[in-house]
Amino acid sequence: MNWLRNRVLKLQVWKDTKGQDLVEYALAAGMVAVAAVAAMPALSGTVSNVFTKIGNIINANVH
C-alpha cells in the first residue's frame, strides 16, 4: 500500500506546474538583460554623436 501511495505522490509532483511561470519570466528577463548589455557598446557611440550634434547646433544658434 505504501508503494502505491508513493507512486501516486510522485505522479502528482510531475503534474504540478505552479512555479513554472516564475522560472520562465526569470529566464526571459535574463535574456533581455544580456541583449541590452550586448547592445550598449554599439549604441553608446551613436547616442554620443547625436548629443554632440545637438550641442553644436544649440551653441551655433545661441551665440
PDB file of N, CA and C in Angstrom:
ATOM      1  N   MET A   1       0.818  -1.196   0.000  1.00  0.00           N
ATOM      2  CA  MET A   1       0.000   0.000   0.000  1.00  0.00           C
ATOM      3  C   MET A   1       0.864   1.263   0.000  1.00  0.00           C
ATOM      4  N   ASN A   2       1.958   1.263   0.752  1.00  0.00           N
ATOM      5  CA  ASN A   2       2.863   2.416   0.772  1.00  0.00           C
ATOM      6  C   ASN A   2       3.475   2.649  -0.601  1.00  0.00           C
ATOM      7  N   TRP A   3       3.760   1.560  -1.313  1.00  0.00           N
ATOM      8  CA  TRP A   3       4.338   1.691  -2.648  1.00  0.00           C
ATOM      9  C   TRP A   3       3.386   2.443  -3.565  1.00  0.00           C
ATOM     10  N   LEU A   4       2.101   2.102  -3.495  1.00  0.00           N
ATOM     11  CA  LEU A   4       1.102   2.749  -4.337  1.00  0.00           C
ATOM     12  C   LEU A   4       0.950   4.226  -3.962  1.00  0.00           C
ATOM     13  N   ARG A   5       0.929   4.518  -2.684  1.00  0.00           N
ATOM     14  CA  ARG A   5       0.809   5.898  -2.234  1.00  0.00           C
ATOM     15  C   ARG A   5       2.015   6.722  -2.688  1.00  0.00           C
ATOM     16  N   ASN A   6       3.224   6.178  -2.558  1.00  0.00           N
ATOM     17  CA  ASN A   6       4.424   6.880  -3.009  1.00  0.00           C
ATOM     18  C   ASN A   6       4.396   7.111  -4.516  1.00  0.00           C
ATOM     19  N   ARG A   7       3.898   6.138  -5.244  1.00  0.00           N
ATOM     20  CA  ARG A   7       3.825   6.264  -6.706  1.00  0.00           C
ATOM     21  C   ARG A   7       2.847   7.382  -7.099  1.00  0.00           C
ATOM     22  N   VAL A   8       1.702   7.454  -6.426  1.00  0.00           N
ATOM     23  CA  VAL A   8       0.718   8.498  -6.706  1.00  0.00           C
ATOM     24  C   VAL A   8       1.289   9.868  -6.366  1.00  0.00           C
ATOM     25  N   LEU A   9       2.008  10.009  -5.258  1.00  0.00           N
ATOM     26  CA  LEU A   9       2.612  11.284  -4.877  1.00  0.00           C
ATOM     27  C   LEU A   9       3.646  11.735  -5.902  1.00  0.00           C
ATOM     28  N   LYS A  10       4.438  10.803  -6.411  1.00  0.00           N
ATOM     29  CA  LYS A  10       5.426  11.165  -7.421  1.00  0.00           C
ATOM     30  C   LYS A  10       4.753  11.649  -8.699  1.00  0.00           C
ATOM     31  N   LEU A  11       3.664  11.023  -9.093  1.00  0.00           N
ATOM     32  CA  LEU A  11       2.946  11.449 -10.287  1.00  0.00           C
ATOM     33  C   LEU A  11       2.329  12.829 -10.092  1.00  0.00           C
ATOM     34  N   GLN A  12       1.855  13.132  -8.892  1.00  0.00           N
ATOM     35  CA  GLN A  12       1.265  14.440  -8.621  1.00  0.00           C
ATOM     36  C   GLN A  12       2.325  15.537  -8.677  1.00  0.00           C
ATOM     37  N   VAL A  13       3.535  15.244  -8.254  1.00  0.00           N
ATOM     38  CA  VAL A  13       4.611  16.226  -8.298  1.00  0.00           C
ATOM     39  C   VAL A  13       4.932  16.584  -9.739  1.00  0.00           C
ATOM     40  N   TRP A  14       4.921  15.615 -10.645  1.00  0.00           N
ATOM     41  CA  TRP A  14       5.218  15.888 -12.051  1.00  0.00           C
ATOM     42  C   TRP A  14       4.143  16.736 -12.701  1.00  0.00           C
ATOM     43  N   LYS A  15       2.912  16.649 -12.230  1.00  0.00           N
ATOM     44  CA  LYS A  15       1.814  17.427 -12.806  1.00  0.00           C
ATOM     45  C   LYS A  15       1.780  18.855 -12.274  1.00  0.00           C
ATOM     46  N   ASP A  16       2.441  19.110 -11.163  1.00  0.00           N
ATOM     47  CA  ASP A  16       2.418  20.436 -10.546  1.00  0.00           C
ATOM     48  C   ASP A  16       3.308  21.392 -11.342  1.00  0.00           C
ATOM     49  N   THR A  17       2.713  22.444 -11.907  1.00  0.00           N
ATOM     50  CA  THR A  17       3.466  23.414 -12.720  1.00  0.00           C
ATOM     51  C   THR A  17       3.279  24.834 -12.193  1.00  0.00           C
ATOM     52  N   LYS A  18       2.966  25.001 -10.927  1.00  0.00           N
ATOM     53  CA  LYS A  18       2.693  26.326 -10.375  1.00  0.00           C
ATOM     54  C   LYS A  18       3.907  27.236 -10.416  1.00  0.00           C
ATOM     55  N   GLY A  19       5.094  26.735 -10.183  1.00  0.00           N
ATOM     56  CA  GLY A  19       6.294  27.563 -10.164  1.00  0.00           C
ATOM     57  C   GLY A  19       6.930  27.749 -11.531  1.00  0.00           C
ATOM     58  N   GLN A  20       6.374  27.112 -12.532  1.00  0.00           N
ATOM     59  CA  GLN A  20       6.956  27.155 -13.865  1.00  0.00           C
ATOM     60  C   GLN A  20       6.926  28.557 -14.458  1.00  0.00           C
ATOM     61  N   ASP A  21       5.860  29.298 -14.270  1.00  0.00           N
ATOM     62  CA  ASP A  21       5.741  30.643 -14.836  1.00  0.00           C
ATOM     63  C   ASP A  21       6.837  31.562 -14.318  1.00  0.00           C
ATOM     64  N   LEU A  22       7.126  31.495 -13.042  1.00  0.00           N
ATOM     65  CA  LEU A  22       8.155  32.340 -12.448  1.00  0.00           C
ATOM     66  C   LEU A  22       9.514  32.069 -13.075  1.00  0.00           C
ATOM     67  N   VAL A  23       9.818  30.805 -13.295  1.00  0.00           N
ATOM     68  CA  VAL A  23      11.092  30.439 -13.909  1.00  0.00           C
ATOM     69  C   VAL A  23      11.161  30.965 -15.337  1.00  0.00           C
ATOM     70  N   GLU A  24      10.071  30.848 -16.074  1.00  0.00           N
ATOM     71  CA  GLU A  24      10.053  31.335 -17.458  1.00  0.00           C
ATOM     72  C   GLU A  24      10.234  32.847 -17.517  1.00  0.00           C
ATOM     73  N   TYR A  25       9.576  33.574 -16.635  1.00  0.00           N
ATOM     74  CA  TYR A  25       9.728  35.031 -16.604  1.00  0.00           C
ATOM     75  C   TYR A  25      11.154  35.424 -16.226  1.00  0.00           C
ATOM     76  N   ALA A  26      11.749  34.704 -15.298  1.00  0.00           N
ATOM     77  CA  ALA A  26      13.127  34.998 -14.894  1.00  0.00           C
ATOM     78  C   ALA A  26      14.085  34.750 -16.054  1.00  0.00           C
ATOM     79  N   LEU A  27      13.882  33.675 -16.801  1.00  0.00           N
ATOM     80  CA  LEU A  27      14.735  33.404 -17.961  1.00  0.00           C
ATOM     81  C   LEU A  27      14.557  34.463 -19.040  1.00  0.00           C
ATOM     82  N   ALA A  28      13.325  34.887 -19.273  1.00  0.00           N
ATOM     83  CA  ALA A  28      13.069  35.924 -20.274  1.00  0.00           C
ATOM     84  C   ALA A  28      13.730  37.241 -19.860  1.00  0.00           C
ATOM     85  N   ALA A  29      13.615  37.610 -18.593  1.00  0.00           N
ATOM     86  CA  ALA A  29      14.245  38.838 -18.103  1.00  0.00           C
ATOM     87  C   ALA A  29      15.760  38.751 -18.219  1.00  0.00           C
ATOM     88  N   GLY A  30      16.310  37.597 -17.957  1.00  0.00           N
ATOM     89  CA  GLY A  30      17.756  37.407 -18.093  1.00  0.00           C
ATOM     90  C   GLY A  30      18.218  37.562 -19.533  1.00  0.00           C
ATOM     91  N   MET A  31      17.450  37.022 -20.467  1.00  0.00           N
ATOM     92  CA  MET A  31      17.819  37.159 -21.880  1.00  0.00           C
ATOM     93  C   MET A  31      17.734  38.610 -22.352  1.00  0.00           C
ATOM     94  N   VAL A  32      16.732  39.331 -21.881  1.00  0.00           N
ATOM     95  CA  VAL A  32      16.611  40.754 -22.231  1.00  0.00           C
ATOM     96  C   VAL A  32      17.794  41.529 -21.662  1.00  0.00           C
ATOM     97  N   ALA A  33      18.180  41.224 -20.448  1.00  0.00           N
ATOM     98  CA  ALA A  33      19.313  41.919 -19.826  1.00  0.00           C
ATOM     99  C   ALA A  33      20.608  41.640 -20.583  1.00  0.00           C
ATOM    100  N   VAL A  34      20.816  40.409 -20.981  1.00  0.00           N
ATOM    101  CA  VAL A  34      22.029  40.068 -21.735  1.00  0.00           C
ATOM    102  C   VAL A  34      22.043  40.784 -23.085  1.00  0.00           C
ATOM    103  N   ALA A  35      20.899  40.834 -23.752  1.00  0.00           N
ATOM    104  CA  ALA A  35      20.816  41.527 -25.039  1.00  0.00           C
ATOM    105  C   ALA A  35      21.066  43.023 -24.871  1.00  0.00           C
ATOM    106  N   ALA A  36      20.537  43.612 -23.812  1.00  0.00           N
ATOM    107  CA  ALA A  36      20.752  45.044 -23.569  1.00  0.00           C
ATOM    108  C   ALA A  36      22.225  45.342 -23.309  1.00  0.00           C
ATOM    109  N   VAL A  37      22.874  44.515 -22.529  1.00  0.00           N
ATOM    110  CA  VAL A  37      24.298  44.724 -22.240  1.00  0.00           C
ATOM    111  C   VAL A  37      25.127  44.544 -23.510  1.00  0.00           C
ATOM    112  N   ALA A  38      24.739  43.591 -24.344  1.00  0.00           N
ATOM    113  CA  ALA A  38      25.481  43.366 -25.590  1.00  0.00           C
ATOM    114  C   ALA A  38      25.310  44.526 -26.560  1.00  0.00           C
ATOM    115  N   ALA A  39      24.165  45.203 -26.534  1.00  0.00           N
ATOM    116  CA  ALA A  39      23.891  46.291 -27.468  1.00  0.00           C
ATOM    117  C   ALA A  39      24.452  47.632 -26.989  1.00  0.00           C
ATOM    118  N   MET A  40      24.770  47.771 -25.729  1.00  0.00           N
ATOM    119  CA  MET A  40      25.215  49.056 -25.187  1.00  0.00           C
ATOM    120  C   MET A  40      26.464  49.624 -25.853  1.00  0.00           C
ATOM    121  N   PRO A  41      27.518  48.864 -26.075  1.00  0.00           N
ATOM    122  CA  PRO A  41      28.707  49.465 -26.700  1.00  0.00           C
ATOM    123  C   PRO A  41      28.420  50.034 -28.093  1.00  0.00           C
ATOM    124  N   ALA A  42      27.609  49.355 -28.864  1.00  0.00           N
ATOM    125  CA  ALA A  42      27.289  49.834 -30.207  1.00  0.00           C
ATOM    126  C   ALA A  42      26.425  51.089 -30.147  1.00  0.00           C
ATOM    127  N   LEU A  43      25.515  51.146 -29.216  1.00  0.00           N
ATOM    128  CA  LEU A  43      24.611  52.286 -29.124  1.00  0.00           C
ATOM    129  C   LEU A  43      25.249  53.502 -28.461  1.00  0.00           C
ATOM    130  N   SER A  44      26.232  53.284 -27.621  1.00  0.00           N
ATOM    131  CA  SER A  44      26.810  54.411 -26.893  1.00  0.00           C
ATOM    132  C   SER A  44      27.484  55.402 -27.835  1.00  0.00           C
ATOM    133  N   GLY A  45      28.169  54.913 -28.845  1.00  0.00           N
ATOM    134  CA  GLY A  45      28.809  55.811 -29.807  1.00  0.00           C
ATOM    135  C   GLY A  45      27.784  56.605 -30.600  1.00  0.00           C
ATOM    136  N   THR A  46      26.713  55.955 -31.006  1.00  0.00           N
ATOM    137  CA  THR A  46      25.664  56.633 -31.762  1.00  0.00           C
ATOM    138  C   THR A  46      24.984  57.700 -30.921  1.00  0.00           C
ATOM    139  N   VAL A  47      24.644  57.373 -29.695  1.00  0.00           N
ATOM    140  CA  VAL A  47      23.989  58.326 -28.801  1.00  0.00           C
ATOM    141  C   VAL A  47      24.918  59.509 -28.522  1.00  0.00           C
ATOM    142  N   SER A  48      26.191  59.236 -28.326  1.00  0.00           N
ATOM    143  CA  SER A  48      27.158  60.306 -28.081  1.00  0.00           C
ATOM    144  C   SER A  48      27.238  61.249 -29.285  1.00  0.00           C
ATOM    145  N   ASN A  49      27.263  60.699 -30.484  1.00  0.00           N
ATOM    146  CA  ASN A  49      27.310  61.528 -31.695  1.00  0.00           C
ATOM    147  C   ASN A  49      26.062  62.395 -31.833  1.00  0.00           C
ATOM    148  N   VAL A  50      24.908  61.839 -31.535  1.00  0.00           N
ATOM    149  CA  VAL A  50      23.654  62.598 -31.642  1.00  0.00           C
ATOM    150  C   VAL A  50      23.668  63.771 -30.671  1.00  0.00           C
ATOM    151  N   PHE A  51      24.065  63.533 -29.422  1.00  0.00           N
ATOM    152  CA  PHE A  51      24.085  64.610 -28.441  1.00  0.00           C
ATOM    153  C   PHE A  51      25.147  65.654 -28.773  1.00  0.00           C
ATOM    154  N   THR A  52      26.260  65.225 -29.341  1.00  0.00           N
ATOM    155  CA  THR A  52      27.286  66.186 -29.760  1.00  0.00           C
ATOM    156  C   THR A  52      26.750  67.096 -30.861  1.00  0.00           C
ATOM    157  N   LYS A  53      26.065  66.504 -31.836  1.00  0.00           N
ATOM    158  CA  LYS A  53      25.492  67.307 -32.919  1.00  0.00           C
ATOM    159  C   LYS A  53      24.431  68.273 -32.404  1.00  0.00           C
ATOM    160  N   ILE A  54      23.603  67.802 -31.481  1.00  0.00           N
ATOM    161  CA  ILE A  54      22.574  68.678 -30.891  1.00  0.00           C
ATOM    162  C   ILE A  54      23.234  69.823 -30.131  1.00  0.00           C
ATOM    163  N   GLY A  55      24.279  69.513 -29.368  1.00  0.00           N
ATOM    164  CA  GLY A  55      25.000  70.552 -28.631  1.00  0.00           C
ATOM    165  C   GLY A  55      25.632  71.573 -29.558  1.00  0.00           C
ATOM    166  N   ASN A  56      26.202  71.106 -30.665  1.00  0.00           N
ATOM    167  CA  ASN A  56      26.808  72.032 -31.633  1.00  0.00           C
ATOM    168  C   ASN A  56      25.766  72.939 -32.272  1.00  0.00           C
ATOM    169  N   ILE A  57      24.611  72.391 -32.588  1.00  0.00           N
ATOM    170  CA  ILE A  57      23.538  73.195 -33.184  1.00  0.00           C
ATOM    171  C   ILE A  57      23.052  74.251 -32.193  1.00  0.00           C
ATOM    172  N   ILE A  58      22.892  73.865 -30.945  1.00  0.00           N
ATOM    173  CA  ILE A  58      22.436  74.818 -29.921  1.00  0.00           C
ATOM    174  C   ILE A  58      23.476  75.912 -29.724  1.00  0.00           C
ATOM    175  N   ASN A  59      24.737  75.533 -29.637  1.00  0.00           N
ATOM    176  CA  ASN A  59      25.799  76.541 -29.452  1.00  0.00           C
ATOM    177  C   ASN A  59      25.884  77.487 -30.648  1.00  0.00           C
ATOM    178  N   ALA A  60      25.727  76.973 -31.837  1.00  0.00           N
ATOM    179  CA  ALA A  60      25.821  77.819 -33.026  1.00  0.00           C
ATOM    180  C   ALA A  60      24.645  78.808 -33.100  1.00  0.00           C
ATOM    181  N   ASN A  61      23.506  78.427 -32.647  1.00  0.00           N
ATOM    182  CA  ASN A  61      22.323  79.279 -32.748  1.00  0.00           C
ATOM    183  C   ASN A  61      22.148  80.220 -31.551  1.00  0.00           C
ATOM    184  N   VAL A  62      22.737  79.900 -30.421  1.00  0.00           N
ATOM    185  CA  VAL A  62      22.593  80.740 -29.235  1.00  0.00           C
ATOM    186  C   VAL A  62      23.573  81.906 -29.282  1.00  0.00           C
ATOM    187  N   HIS A  63      24.790  81.685 -29.731  1.00  0.00           N
ATOM    188  CA  HIS A  63      25.814  82.731 -29.705  1.00  0.00           C
ATOM    189  C   HIS A  63      25.775  83.558 -30.925  1.00  0.00           C
TER     190      HIS A  63
END
